Amino acid sequence: MINYPERLNLAQTPTPFYPLERLSQQLGGPRIWIKRDDLTGAATSGNKIRKLEFLLAEALANGCDTLITSGGVQSNHCRSVALLGAQLGLKVHLILRADIEPKPVGNLLLDHLAGARISHYSVDEYRSLDKLFAQWAEHYAGLGSKAYSIPTGGSNGTGMWGYIAAAEELSEDFKRNAIMPQAIVHATGSAGTQAGLMLGCQLHQINTWVKAYAVCDNAAYFTHKVRDDLEQWQSQYSPETDISGLIADTCDDYVGPAYGVADQEVFDGIKQVAALEGILLDPVYTGKAFFGMMEDIKKGKFSHQQGSDIVFLHTGGLFGLFAQQHHLGY
C-alpha cells in the first residue's frame, strides 16, 4: 500500500482508455491503445493537472497565496496553473520564455483570461530562471504575500506523485482489458511525467517498458533530469525505496528544429490521426511523440507479434494547436 501525500481533487479521473483499431490496422504493427489524459479537465486538460493536485495541496498547506511558475509562451503547464490558481483564489505569476512570438492565442490567451500576471523574457534572460524565481518571490514577500514556486512543468519530487498515481490507474486499465503492453509511450519535455511514470510502474509492479519521446533537448539531458527528480523524491518521501534500476529510455530522433517547432511531417501526422481516430494532437508535445511512435512502428522497433500491445499516454496540448494552425494549411 502506497501512502500518498495530501492532494487536491482537481482532475477528472480515471481517464478513458481504449484501442485505436483503425490506426493499428493501417500501420500493421502492434495494437495501439490510448490513455486519454487530455481529458483530465476542460480548460485545465492534460498531464499537468495530475501533478498540480499534489503541488497545490502543498502550496495551500504552507499558507501560500501566490503561485510562481515558468514555461514557454504556449506552456500547457502555465495555462493549468493560471486557471487552477483562479479556481482556488490564488494569485498567479507566469515567467514565460519568448521562444515564439507571444501572440495572445492558444494557451497564452487563456493565461490572460485567468488573470495571471505575465512576464516575458528572452531566451538568454530565461537561462537565469532560478534568479528570476528568487527575485519575484522576494518581490511578493515585500508586499506581504507568500509565494510558492512551481518548477517548469511541475517536475520535481512532489509533482512526480501525479504519475505514480496515474500508473496505479493504468494498472487497473490493463487488468480490465486483460493486457500487459510491451510499452507505455509518451512525450517528455520537463521529465516529471517520465520520472513519475517510471517510478509508478516499479511501485505498482507493472512489468512494461516506459518509452519517452523528447520534444526538446537530447537523451542525455533526460537521463540526468529523471535521475535528479527520482533522487529528490527518494530523499523527500521514501529513502528506503531502491531506484537504482530506473534508467530513462528517451528517443531524441524526432525533436525537430527546436522546442515548440515541428517539421511538416508532424503536422501531416496530426491531420492523419485526427481524421482517422478523432484524436487531437499538438505540434509541441503529443504530435511529435505520436509521430515518432508511428515511425518507429514502421521501422520495426516495437514487437509486431500477434497479440502485442503498446499504450500511448496522451498528455494534452490542444490549445497549443491553435497557435500554429497556419502549418495545417487552414
C-alpha atoms as a PDB file:
ATOM      1  CA  MET A   1       0.000   0.000   0.000  1.00  0.00           C
ATOM      2  CA  ILE A   2       1.459   3.349  -1.061  1.00  0.00           C
ATOM      3  CA  ASN A   3       0.968   6.299   1.280  1.00  0.00           C
ATOM      4  CA  TYR A   4       0.309   9.289  -0.937  1.00  0.00           C
ATOM      5  CA  PRO A   5       0.852  12.803   0.409  1.00  0.00           C
ATOM      6  CA  GLU A   6      -2.020  15.263   0.664  1.00  0.00           C
ATOM      7  CA  ARG A   7      -3.659  16.054  -2.673  1.00  0.00           C
ATOM      8  CA  LEU A   8      -6.500  18.144  -4.047  1.00  0.00           C
ATOM      9  CA  ASN A   9      -9.324  16.703  -6.120  1.00  0.00           C
ATOM     10  CA  LEU A  10      -8.821  18.699  -9.327  1.00  0.00           C
ATOM     11  CA  ALA A  11      -8.558  16.199 -12.199  1.00  0.00           C
ATOM     12  CA  GLN A  12     -11.391  14.297 -13.857  1.00  0.00           C
ATOM     13  CA  THR A  13     -10.103  10.767 -13.348  1.00  0.00           C
ATOM     14  CA  PRO A  14      -9.949   7.946 -14.204  1.00  0.00           C
ATOM     15  CA  THR A  15      -9.439   8.988 -17.810  1.00  0.00           C
ATOM     16  CA  PRO A  16     -10.659   6.866 -20.759  1.00  0.00           C
ATOM     17  CA  PHE A  17      -8.557   4.002 -22.079  1.00  0.00           C
ATOM     18  CA  TYR A  18      -9.277   2.201 -25.341  1.00  0.00           C
ATOM     19  CA  PRO A  19      -7.644   0.826 -28.524  1.00  0.00           C
ATOM     20  CA  LEU A  20      -7.120   2.753 -31.765  1.00  0.00           C
ATOM     21  CA  GLU A  21      -8.210  -0.076 -34.021  1.00  0.00           C
ATOM     22  CA  ARG A  22      -8.182   1.692 -37.396  1.00  0.00           C
ATOM     23  CA  LEU A  23      -4.757   3.259 -36.930  1.00  0.00           C
ATOM     24  CA  SER A  24      -3.334  -0.019 -35.616  1.00  0.00           C
ATOM     25  CA  GLN A  25      -4.618  -1.838 -38.675  1.00  0.00           C
ATOM     26  CA  GLN A  26      -3.283   0.832 -41.018  1.00  0.00           C
ATOM     27  CA  LEU A  27       0.217   0.688 -39.508  1.00  0.00           C
ATOM     28  CA  GLY A  28       0.240  -3.104 -39.393  1.00  0.00           C
ATOM     29  CA  GLY A  29       2.132  -3.253 -36.123  1.00  0.00           C
ATOM     30  CA  PRO A  30       1.124  -3.831 -32.506  1.00  0.00           C
ATOM     31  CA  ARG A  31      -2.315  -2.793 -31.303  1.00  0.00           C
ATOM     32  CA  ILE A  32      -2.154   0.823 -30.101  1.00  0.00           C
ATOM     33  CA  TRP A  33      -4.136   1.803 -27.023  1.00  0.00           C
ATOM     34  CA  ILE A  34      -4.575   5.379 -25.855  1.00  0.00           C
ATOM     35  CA  LYS A  35      -4.791   6.764 -22.311  1.00  0.00           C
ATOM     36  CA  ARG A  36      -6.765   9.993 -22.642  1.00  0.00           C
ATOM     37  CA  ASP A  37      -5.087  12.268 -20.112  1.00  0.00           C
ATOM     38  CA  ASP A  38      -6.033  15.098 -22.445  1.00  0.00           C
ATOM     39  CA  LEU A  39      -9.451  14.642 -20.800  1.00  0.00           C
ATOM     40  CA  THR A  40      -8.418  15.337 -17.188  1.00  0.00           C
ATOM     41  CA  GLY A  41     -10.450  18.534 -17.444  1.00  0.00           C
ATOM     42  CA  ALA A  42     -11.774  21.030 -19.970  1.00  0.00           C
ATOM     43  CA  ALA A  43      -9.611  24.155 -19.971  1.00  0.00           C
ATOM     44  CA  THR A  44      -7.305  22.518 -17.415  1.00  0.00           C
ATOM     45  CA  SER A  45      -6.828  19.420 -19.563  1.00  0.00           C
ATOM     46  CA  GLY A  46      -3.610  17.420 -19.797  1.00  0.00           C
ATOM     47  CA  ASN A  47      -0.992  15.732 -17.670  1.00  0.00           C
ATOM     48  CA  LYS A  48      -0.066  18.796 -15.617  1.00  0.00           C
ATOM     49  CA  ILE A  49      -3.233  18.748 -13.547  1.00  0.00           C
ATOM     50  CA  ARG A  50      -2.299  15.365 -12.054  1.00  0.00           C
ATOM     51  CA  LYS A  51       0.949  16.872 -10.756  1.00  0.00           C
ATOM     52  CA  LEU A  52      -0.786  20.047  -9.592  1.00  0.00           C
ATOM     53  CA  GLU A  53      -3.147  18.093  -7.356  1.00  0.00           C
ATOM     54  CA  PHE A  54      -0.126  17.427  -5.131  1.00  0.00           C
ATOM     55  CA  LEU A  55       1.817  20.649  -5.720  1.00  0.00           C
ATOM     56  CA  LEU A  56      -1.117  22.962  -4.995  1.00  0.00           C
ATOM     57  CA  ALA A  57      -2.052  20.939  -1.918  1.00  0.00           C
ATOM     58  CA  GLU A  58       1.474  21.596  -0.669  1.00  0.00           C
ATOM     59  CA  ALA A  59       1.157  25.301  -1.503  1.00  0.00           C
ATOM     60  CA  LEU A  60      -2.065  25.630   0.487  1.00  0.00           C
ATOM     61  CA  ALA A  61      -0.657  23.602   3.388  1.00  0.00           C
ATOM     62  CA  ASN A  62       2.254  26.050   3.518  1.00  0.00           C
ATOM     63  CA  GLY A  63      -0.098  29.029   3.693  1.00  0.00           C
ATOM     64  CA  CYS A  64       0.884  30.438   0.300  1.00  0.00           C
ATOM     65  CA  ASP A  65      -1.364  32.906  -1.519  1.00  0.00           C
ATOM     66  CA  THR A  66       0.677  33.331  -4.703  1.00  0.00           C
ATOM     67  CA  LEU A  67       1.939  30.841  -7.280  1.00  0.00           C
ATOM     68  CA  ILE A  68       5.020  31.484  -9.426  1.00  0.00           C
ATOM     69  CA  THR A  69       5.857  29.177 -12.302  1.00  0.00           C
ATOM     70  CA  SER A  70       7.547  29.157 -15.688  1.00  0.00           C
ATOM     71  CA  GLY A  71       7.458  27.790 -19.208  1.00  0.00           C
ATOM     72  CA  GLY A  72       7.301  28.630 -22.875  1.00  0.00           C
ATOM     73  CA  VAL A  73       4.774  31.058 -24.330  1.00  0.00           C
ATOM     74  CA  GLN A  74       2.428  28.167 -25.185  1.00  0.00           C
ATOM     75  CA  SER A  75       3.073  26.234 -21.970  1.00  0.00           C
ATOM     76  CA  ASN A  76       0.267  23.810 -21.090  1.00  0.00           C
ATOM     77  CA  HIS A  77       1.582  23.755 -17.535  1.00  0.00           C
ATOM     78  CA  CYS A  78       1.404  27.539 -17.133  1.00  0.00           C
ATOM     79  CA  ARG A  79      -2.137  27.594 -18.503  1.00  0.00           C
ATOM     80  CA  SER A  80      -3.193  24.948 -15.988  1.00  0.00           C
ATOM     81  CA  VAL A  81      -1.555  26.830 -13.098  1.00  0.00           C
ATOM     82  CA  ALA A  82      -3.242  30.076 -14.176  1.00  0.00           C
ATOM     83  CA  LEU A  83      -6.703  28.514 -14.315  1.00  0.00           C
ATOM     84  CA  LEU A  84      -6.380  26.376 -11.191  1.00  0.00           C
ATOM     85  CA  GLY A  85      -4.926  29.315  -9.292  1.00  0.00           C
ATOM     86  CA  ALA A  86      -8.006  31.348 -10.196  1.00  0.00           C
ATOM     87  CA  GLN A  87     -10.216  28.413  -9.179  1.00  0.00           C
ATOM     88  CA  LEU A  88      -8.543  28.268  -5.758  1.00  0.00           C
ATOM     89  CA  GLY A  89      -8.405  32.041  -5.241  1.00  0.00           C
ATOM     90  CA  LEU A  90      -4.611  32.275  -5.537  1.00  0.00           C
ATOM     91  CA  LYS A  91      -2.621  34.930  -7.379  1.00  0.00           C
ATOM     92  CA  VAL A  92      -0.537  33.565 -10.257  1.00  0.00           C
ATOM     93  CA  HIS A  93       2.635  34.965 -11.831  1.00  0.00           C
ATOM     94  CA  LEU A  94       3.949  33.324 -15.002  1.00  0.00           C
ATOM     95  CA  ILE A  95       7.565  33.652 -16.127  1.00  0.00           C
ATOM     96  CA  LEU A  96       7.359  32.935 -19.852  1.00  0.00           C
ATOM     97  CA  ARG A  97      10.215  32.299 -22.267  1.00  0.00           C
ATOM     98  CA  ALA A  98       9.659  34.084 -25.581  1.00  0.00           C
ATOM     99  CA  ASP A  99      10.662  31.079 -27.694  1.00  0.00           C
ATOM    100  CA  ILE A 100       7.988  32.004 -30.236  1.00  0.00           C
ATOM    101  CA  GLU A 101       6.156  35.285 -30.835  1.00  0.00           C
ATOM    102  CA  PRO A 102       3.875  35.918 -27.821  1.00  0.00           C
ATOM    103  CA  LYS A 103       0.607  36.445 -29.674  1.00  0.00           C
ATOM    104  CA  PRO A 104      -2.431  36.246 -27.360  1.00  0.00           C
ATOM    105  CA  VAL A 105      -3.718  32.963 -28.808  1.00  0.00           C
ATOM    106  CA  GLY A 106      -3.952  29.374 -27.572  1.00  0.00           C
ATOM    107  CA  ASN A 107      -2.629  28.808 -24.065  1.00  0.00           C
ATOM    108  CA  LEU A 108      -1.410  32.399 -23.727  1.00  0.00           C
ATOM    109  CA  LEU A 109      -4.929  33.703 -24.348  1.00  0.00           C
ATOM    110  CA  LEU A 110      -6.217  31.509 -21.529  1.00  0.00           C
ATOM    111  CA  ASP A 111      -3.412  32.724 -19.232  1.00  0.00           C
ATOM    112  CA  HIS A 112      -4.653  36.281 -19.759  1.00  0.00           C
ATOM    113  CA  LEU A 113      -8.316  35.331 -19.301  1.00  0.00           C
ATOM    114  CA  ALA A 114      -7.455  33.670 -15.989  1.00  0.00           C
ATOM    115  CA  GLY A 115      -5.977  36.937 -14.746  1.00  0.00           C
ATOM    116  CA  ALA A 116      -2.407  35.743 -14.367  1.00  0.00           C
ATOM    117  CA  ARG A 117       0.400  38.261 -14.189  1.00  0.00           C
ATOM    118  CA  ILE A 118       2.739  37.527 -17.083  1.00  0.00           C
ATOM    119  CA  SER A 119       6.406  38.445 -17.517  1.00  0.00           C
ATOM    120  CA  HIS A 120       8.058  37.665 -20.851  1.00  0.00           C
ATOM    121  CA  TYR A 121      11.796  37.027 -21.004  1.00  0.00           C
ATOM    122  CA  SER A 122      14.179  36.394 -23.871  1.00  0.00           C
ATOM    123  CA  VAL A 123      15.799  33.003 -24.243  1.00  0.00           C
ATOM    124  CA  ASP A 124      19.050  34.449 -22.831  1.00  0.00           C
ATOM    125  CA  GLU A 125      17.307  36.055 -19.841  1.00  0.00           C
ATOM    126  CA  TYR A 126      15.424  32.832 -19.164  1.00  0.00           C
ATOM    127  CA  ARG A 127      18.701  30.989 -18.628  1.00  0.00           C
ATOM    128  CA  SER A 128      18.826  32.746 -15.236  1.00  0.00           C
ATOM    129  CA  LEU A 129      15.499  31.176 -14.262  1.00  0.00           C
ATOM    130  CA  ASP A 130      16.448  30.407 -10.642  1.00  0.00           C
ATOM    131  CA  LYS A 131      17.373  34.052 -10.173  1.00  0.00           C
ATOM    132  CA  LEU A 132      14.064  35.177 -11.686  1.00  0.00           C
ATOM    133  CA  PHE A 133      12.114  32.906  -9.336  1.00  0.00           C
ATOM    134  CA  ALA A 134      14.034  34.278  -6.348  1.00  0.00           C
ATOM    135  CA  GLN A 135      13.534  37.898  -7.413  1.00  0.00           C
ATOM    136  CA  TRP A 136       9.782  37.534  -7.821  1.00  0.00           C
ATOM    137  CA  ALA A 137       9.386  35.564  -4.568  1.00  0.00           C
ATOM    138  CA  GLU A 138      11.224  38.382  -2.770  1.00  0.00           C
ATOM    139  CA  HIS A 139       9.017  40.932  -4.537  1.00  0.00           C
ATOM    140  CA  TYR A 140       5.838  39.271  -3.258  1.00  0.00           C
ATOM    141  CA  ALA A 141       7.275  38.861   0.232  1.00  0.00           C
ATOM    142  CA  GLY A 142       7.803  42.631   0.248  1.00  0.00           C
ATOM    143  CA  LEU A 143       4.093  43.027  -0.484  1.00  0.00           C
ATOM    144  CA  GLY A 144       3.141  40.770   2.411  1.00  0.00           C
ATOM    145  CA  SER A 145       2.380  37.750   0.251  1.00  0.00           C
ATOM    146  CA  LYS A 146       3.835  34.253   0.497  1.00  0.00           C
ATOM    147  CA  ALA A 147       4.788  32.755  -2.859  1.00  0.00           C
ATOM    148  CA  TYR A 148       5.016  29.085  -3.762  1.00  0.00           C
ATOM    149  CA  SER A 149       7.390  28.388  -6.652  1.00  0.00           C
ATOM    150  CA  ILE A 150       6.498  25.558  -9.034  1.00  0.00           C
ATOM    151  CA  PRO A 151       9.306  24.434 -11.372  1.00  0.00           C
ATOM    152  CA  THR A 152       8.799  24.256 -15.129  1.00  0.00           C
ATOM    153  CA  GLY A 153       6.269  21.556 -15.932  1.00  0.00           C
ATOM    154  CA  GLY A 154       5.626  20.912 -12.236  1.00  0.00           C
ATOM    155  CA  SER A 155       8.525  18.487 -12.487  1.00  0.00           C
ATOM    156  CA  ASN A 156      10.040  17.723  -9.097  1.00  0.00           C
ATOM    157  CA  GLY A 157       9.726  15.125  -6.363  1.00  0.00           C
ATOM    158  CA  THR A 158       6.292  16.342  -5.276  1.00  0.00           C
ATOM    159  CA  GLY A 159       4.941  16.634  -8.815  1.00  0.00           C
ATOM    160  CA  MET A 160       6.064  13.070  -9.550  1.00  0.00           C
ATOM    161  CA  TRP A 161       3.252  11.779  -7.346  1.00  0.00           C
ATOM    162  CA  GLY A 162       0.810  12.680 -10.113  1.00  0.00           C
ATOM    163  CA  TYR A 163       2.141   9.963 -12.384  1.00  0.00           C
ATOM    164  CA  ILE A 164       2.824   7.499  -9.608  1.00  0.00           C
ATOM    165  CA  ALA A 165      -0.941   7.688  -9.067  1.00  0.00           C
ATOM    166  CA  ALA A 166      -1.571   7.550 -12.825  1.00  0.00           C
ATOM    167  CA  ALA A 167       0.464   4.334 -13.036  1.00  0.00           C
ATOM    168  CA  GLU A 168      -1.886   2.791 -10.467  1.00  0.00           C
ATOM    169  CA  GLU A 169      -4.804   3.832 -12.691  1.00  0.00           C
ATOM    170  CA  LEU A 170      -3.093   2.326 -15.734  1.00  0.00           C
ATOM    171  CA  SER A 171      -2.605  -0.932 -13.837  1.00  0.00           C
ATOM    172  CA  GLU A 172      -6.377  -1.129 -13.417  1.00  0.00           C
ATOM    173  CA  ASP A 173      -6.865  -0.306 -17.126  1.00  0.00           C
ATOM    174  CA  PHE A 174      -4.559  -3.190 -18.061  1.00  0.00           C
ATOM    175  CA  LYS A 175      -6.318  -5.649 -15.747  1.00  0.00           C
ATOM    176  CA  ARG A 176      -9.760  -4.654 -17.002  1.00  0.00           C
ATOM    177  CA  ASN A 177      -8.717  -5.177 -20.623  1.00  0.00           C
ATOM    178  CA  ALA A 178      -6.594  -8.287 -19.917  1.00  0.00           C
ATOM    179  CA  ILE A 179      -3.430  -6.839 -21.480  1.00  0.00           C
ATOM    180  CA  MET A 180       0.159  -6.238 -20.449  1.00  0.00           C
ATOM    181  CA  PRO A 181       1.552  -3.827 -23.039  1.00  0.00           C
ATOM    182  CA  GLN A 182       5.125  -4.052 -24.207  1.00  0.00           C
ATOM    183  CA  ALA A 183       5.495  -0.278 -23.805  1.00  0.00           C
ATOM    184  CA  ILE A 184       3.915   2.892 -22.449  1.00  0.00           C
ATOM    185  CA  VAL A 185       4.814   5.733 -24.823  1.00  0.00           C
ATOM    186  CA  HIS A 186       4.623   9.452 -24.053  1.00  0.00           C
ATOM    187  CA  ALA A 187       6.090  12.871 -24.833  1.00  0.00           C
ATOM    188  CA  THR A 188       8.681  14.311 -22.464  1.00  0.00           C
ATOM    189  CA  GLY A 189       9.746  17.927 -22.060  1.00  0.00           C
ATOM    190  CA  SER A 190      10.453  18.657 -18.395  1.00  0.00           C
ATOM    191  CA  ALA A 191      10.755  14.949 -17.447  1.00  0.00           C
ATOM    192  CA  GLY A 192       8.368  14.923 -14.482  1.00  0.00           C
ATOM    193  CA  THR A 193       5.772  12.718 -16.137  1.00  0.00           C
ATOM    194  CA  GLN A 194       8.560  10.432 -17.329  1.00  0.00           C
ATOM    195  CA  ALA A 195      10.117  10.077 -13.864  1.00  0.00           C
ATOM    196  CA  GLY A 196       6.763   9.617 -12.142  1.00  0.00           C
ATOM    197  CA  LEU A 197       5.590   7.008 -14.622  1.00  0.00           C
ATOM    198  CA  MET A 198       8.837   5.031 -14.374  1.00  0.00           C
ATOM    199  CA  LEU A 199       8.711   5.001 -10.584  1.00  0.00           C
ATOM    200  CA  GLY A 200       4.965   4.348 -10.598  1.00  0.00           C
ATOM    201  CA  CYS A 201       5.416   1.256 -12.751  1.00  0.00           C
ATOM    202  CA  GLN A 202       8.019  -0.057 -10.315  1.00  0.00           C
ATOM    203  CA  LEU A 203       5.934   0.675  -7.217  1.00  0.00           C
ATOM    204  CA  HIS A 204       2.765  -0.817  -8.719  1.00  0.00           C
ATOM    205  CA  GLN A 205       4.640  -3.793 -10.212  1.00  0.00           C
ATOM    206  CA  ILE A 206       3.779  -3.038 -13.835  1.00  0.00           C
ATOM    207  CA  ASN A 207       6.219  -5.014 -15.938  1.00  0.00           C
ATOM    208  CA  THR A 208       6.359  -2.831 -19.035  1.00  0.00           C
ATOM    209  CA  TRP A 209       8.777  -0.520 -20.836  1.00  0.00           C
ATOM    210  CA  VAL A 210       8.328   3.255 -20.407  1.00  0.00           C
ATOM    211  CA  LYS A 211       9.408   4.848 -23.687  1.00  0.00           C
ATOM    212  CA  ALA A 212       9.628   8.639 -23.846  1.00  0.00           C
ATOM    213  CA  TYR A 213       9.922  10.790 -26.966  1.00  0.00           C
ATOM    214  CA  ALA A 214      11.766  14.053 -26.362  1.00  0.00           C
ATOM    215  CA  VAL A 215      10.266  17.321 -27.609  1.00  0.00           C
ATOM    216  CA  CYS A 216      13.400  19.301 -26.720  1.00  0.00           C
ATOM    217  CA  ASP A 217      16.972  18.670 -25.572  1.00  0.00           C
ATOM    218  CA  ASN A 218      18.662  15.286 -26.036  1.00  0.00           C
ATOM    219  CA  ALA A 219      18.513  11.860 -24.456  1.00  0.00           C
ATOM    220  CA  ALA A 220      21.460  12.582 -22.153  1.00  0.00           C
ATOM    221  CA  TYR A 221      19.632  15.572 -20.666  1.00  0.00           C
ATOM    222  CA  PHE A 222      16.627  13.423 -19.785  1.00  0.00           C
ATOM    223  CA  THR A 223      18.810  10.716 -18.270  1.00  0.00           C
ATOM    224  CA  HIS A 224      20.196  13.301 -15.821  1.00  0.00           C
ATOM    225  CA  LYS A 225      16.908  15.160 -15.213  1.00  0.00           C
ATOM    226  CA  VAL A 226      14.949  11.986 -14.493  1.00  0.00           C
ATOM    227  CA  ARG A 227      17.688  10.838 -12.127  1.00  0.00           C
ATOM    228  CA  ASP A 228      17.573  14.205 -10.302  1.00  0.00           C
ATOM    229  CA  ASP A 229      13.787  14.025  -9.886  1.00  0.00           C
ATOM    230  CA  LEU A 230      13.925  10.418  -8.696  1.00  0.00           C
ATOM    231  CA  GLU A 231      16.605  11.218  -6.136  1.00  0.00           C
ATOM    232  CA  GLN A 232      14.644  14.234  -4.901  1.00  0.00           C
ATOM    233  CA  TRP A 233      11.531  12.087  -4.458  1.00  0.00           C
ATOM    234  CA  GLN A 234      13.516   9.371  -2.697  1.00  0.00           C
ATOM    235  CA  SER A 235      15.163  11.845  -0.321  1.00  0.00           C
ATOM    236  CA  GLN A 236      11.911  13.638   0.475  1.00  0.00           C
ATOM    237  CA  TYR A 237       9.461  10.745   0.678  1.00  0.00           C
ATOM    238  CA  SER A 238      10.984   7.260   0.710  1.00  0.00           C
ATOM    239  CA  PRO A 239      14.702   6.826   1.439  1.00  0.00           C
ATOM    240  CA  GLU A 240      14.241   3.044   1.644  1.00  0.00           C
ATOM    241  CA  THR A 241      12.954   2.719  -1.957  1.00  0.00           C
ATOM    242  CA  ASP A 242      15.553   1.333  -4.362  1.00  0.00           C
ATOM    243  CA  ILE A 243      15.613   3.457  -7.541  1.00  0.00           C
ATOM    244  CA  SER A 244      18.937   2.179  -8.871  1.00  0.00           C
ATOM    245  CA  GLY A 245      17.322   0.158 -11.653  1.00  0.00           C
ATOM    246  CA  LEU A 246      15.324   3.062 -13.069  1.00  0.00           C
ATOM    247  CA  ILE A 247      17.117   4.348 -16.166  1.00  0.00           C
ATOM    248  CA  ALA A 248      15.334   6.735 -18.541  1.00  0.00           C
ATOM    249  CA  ASP A 249      14.742   5.444 -22.080  1.00  0.00           C
ATOM    250  CA  THR A 250      14.350   8.553 -24.216  1.00  0.00           C
ATOM    251  CA  CYS A 251      14.249   8.808 -28.001  1.00  0.00           C
ATOM    252  CA  ASP A 252      15.507  12.167 -29.300  1.00  0.00           C
ATOM    253  CA  ASP A 253      15.206  11.327 -33.019  1.00  0.00           C
ATOM    254  CA  TYR A 254      12.048  13.372 -33.525  1.00  0.00           C
ATOM    255  CA  VAL A 255      12.735  16.594 -31.620  1.00  0.00           C
ATOM    256  CA  GLY A 256      12.681  18.572 -34.855  1.00  0.00           C
ATOM    257  CA  PRO A 257      14.109  22.072 -35.348  1.00  0.00           C
ATOM    258  CA  ALA A 258      13.513  23.269 -31.762  1.00  0.00           C
ATOM    259  CA  TYR A 259      11.158  23.188 -28.798  1.00  0.00           C
ATOM    260  CA  GLY A 260       7.729  24.279 -29.995  1.00  0.00           C
ATOM    261  CA  VAL A 261       8.771  23.965 -33.639  1.00  0.00           C
ATOM    262  CA  ALA A 262       7.760  20.887 -35.622  1.00  0.00           C
ATOM    263  CA  ASP A 263       8.554  19.614 -39.110  1.00  0.00           C
ATOM    264  CA  GLN A 264       5.753  19.467 -41.656  1.00  0.00           C
ATOM    265  CA  GLU A 265       5.591  15.678 -41.376  1.00  0.00           C
ATOM    266  CA  VAL A 266       4.472  16.081 -37.755  1.00  0.00           C
ATOM    267  CA  PHE A 267       1.606  18.336 -38.860  1.00  0.00           C
ATOM    268  CA  ASP A 268       0.702  15.768 -41.510  1.00  0.00           C
ATOM    269  CA  GLY A 269       0.634  13.116 -38.781  1.00  0.00           C
ATOM    270  CA  ILE A 270      -1.626  15.310 -36.633  1.00  0.00           C
ATOM    271  CA  LYS A 271      -4.090  15.567 -39.525  1.00  0.00           C
ATOM    272  CA  GLN A 272      -3.896  11.819 -40.180  1.00  0.00           C
ATOM    273  CA  VAL A 273      -4.684  10.837 -36.585  1.00  0.00           C
ATOM    274  CA  ALA A 274      -7.482  13.415 -36.251  1.00  0.00           C
ATOM    275  CA  ALA A 275      -9.208  12.219 -39.442  1.00  0.00           C
ATOM    276  CA  LEU A 276      -8.754   8.509 -38.721  1.00  0.00           C
ATOM    277  CA  GLU A 277      -9.428   8.316 -34.977  1.00  0.00           C
ATOM    278  CA  GLY A 278     -10.821  11.700 -33.886  1.00  0.00           C
ATOM    279  CA  ILE A 279      -7.797  12.269 -31.651  1.00  0.00           C
ATOM    280  CA  LEU A 280      -6.387  15.798 -31.477  1.00  0.00           C
ATOM    281  CA  LEU A 281      -2.619  16.136 -31.004  1.00  0.00           C
ATOM    282  CA  ASP A 282      -0.481  19.266 -30.732  1.00  0.00           C
ATOM    283  CA  PRO A 283       2.774  20.230 -32.519  1.00  0.00           C
ATOM    284  CA  VAL A 284       4.715  20.927 -29.312  1.00  0.00           C
ATOM    285  CA  TYR A 285       4.337  17.665 -27.389  1.00  0.00           C
ATOM    286  CA  THR A 286       1.944  14.882 -28.361  1.00  0.00           C
ATOM    287  CA  GLY A 287       2.204  15.402 -32.122  1.00  0.00           C
ATOM    288  CA  LYS A 288       5.972  14.887 -32.077  1.00  0.00           C
ATOM    289  CA  ALA A 289       5.759  11.857 -29.783  1.00  0.00           C
ATOM    290  CA  PHE A 290       2.914  10.199 -31.665  1.00  0.00           C
ATOM    291  CA  PHE A 291       4.678  10.762 -34.986  1.00  0.00           C
ATOM    292  CA  GLY A 292       7.866   9.265 -33.526  1.00  0.00           C
ATOM    293  CA  MET A 293       5.954   6.244 -32.266  1.00  0.00           C
ATOM    294  CA  MET A 294       4.340   5.671 -35.679  1.00  0.00           C
ATOM    295  CA  GLU A 295       7.682   5.938 -37.436  1.00  0.00           C
ATOM    296  CA  ASP A 296       9.296   3.501 -35.011  1.00  0.00           C
ATOM    297  CA  ILE A 297       6.435   1.046 -35.508  1.00  0.00           C
ATOM    298  CA  LYS A 298       7.097   1.207 -39.246  1.00  0.00           C
ATOM    299  CA  LYS A 299      10.816   0.634 -38.580  1.00  0.00           C
ATOM    300  CA  GLY A 300      10.055  -2.471 -36.502  1.00  0.00           C
ATOM    301  CA  LYS A 301      11.285  -1.014 -33.201  1.00  0.00           C
ATOM    302  CA  PHE A 302       8.200  -2.356 -31.410  1.00  0.00           C
ATOM    303  CA  SER A 303       7.192  -6.010 -31.466  1.00  0.00           C
ATOM    304  CA  HIS A 304       4.810  -6.909 -34.287  1.00  0.00           C
ATOM    305  CA  GLN A 305       3.886 -10.291 -32.819  1.00  0.00           C
ATOM    306  CA  GLN A 306       0.193 -11.100 -32.789  1.00  0.00           C
ATOM    307  CA  GLY A 307      -1.415 -10.000 -29.548  1.00  0.00           C
ATOM    308  CA  SER A 308       1.238  -7.380 -28.767  1.00  0.00           C
ATOM    309  CA  ASP A 309       0.077  -4.011 -27.430  1.00  0.00           C
ATOM    310  CA  ILE A 310       1.514  -0.552 -26.811  1.00  0.00           C
ATOM    311  CA  VAL A 311      -0.075   2.340 -24.950  1.00  0.00           C
ATOM    312  CA  PHE A 312       0.172   5.997 -25.930  1.00  0.00           C
ATOM    313  CA  LEU A 313      -0.277   8.349 -22.976  1.00  0.00           C
ATOM    314  CA  HIS A 314      -1.986  11.440 -24.405  1.00  0.00           C
ATOM    315  CA  THR A 315      -0.718  14.267 -22.189  1.00  0.00           C
ATOM    316  CA  GLY A 316      -2.875  17.018 -23.722  1.00  0.00           C
ATOM    317  CA  GLY A 317      -1.900  20.207 -25.514  1.00  0.00           C
ATOM    318  CA  LEU A 318      -4.975  21.008 -27.601  1.00  0.00           C
ATOM    319  CA  PHE A 319      -4.751  24.771 -27.103  1.00  0.00           C
ATOM    320  CA  GLY A 320      -1.192  24.930 -28.441  1.00  0.00           C
ATOM    321  CA  LEU A 321      -2.581  23.668 -31.759  1.00  0.00           C
ATOM    322  CA  PHE A 322      -4.452  26.925 -32.324  1.00  0.00           C
ATOM    323  CA  ALA A 323      -1.263  28.959 -32.110  1.00  0.00           C
ATOM    324  CA  GLN A 324       0.167  27.080 -35.122  1.00  0.00           C
ATOM    325  CA  GLN A 325      -2.907  26.343 -37.237  1.00  0.00           C
ATOM    326  CA  HIS A 326      -1.306  28.010 -40.276  1.00  0.00           C
ATOM    327  CA  HIS A 327       1.006  24.997 -40.553  1.00  0.00           C
ATOM    328  CA  LEU A 328      -2.038  22.793 -41.091  1.00  0.00           C
ATOM    329  CA  GLY A 329      -2.991  24.625 -44.279  1.00  0.00           C
ATOM    330  CA  TYR A 330      -6.224  26.119 -42.982  1.00  0.00           C
END
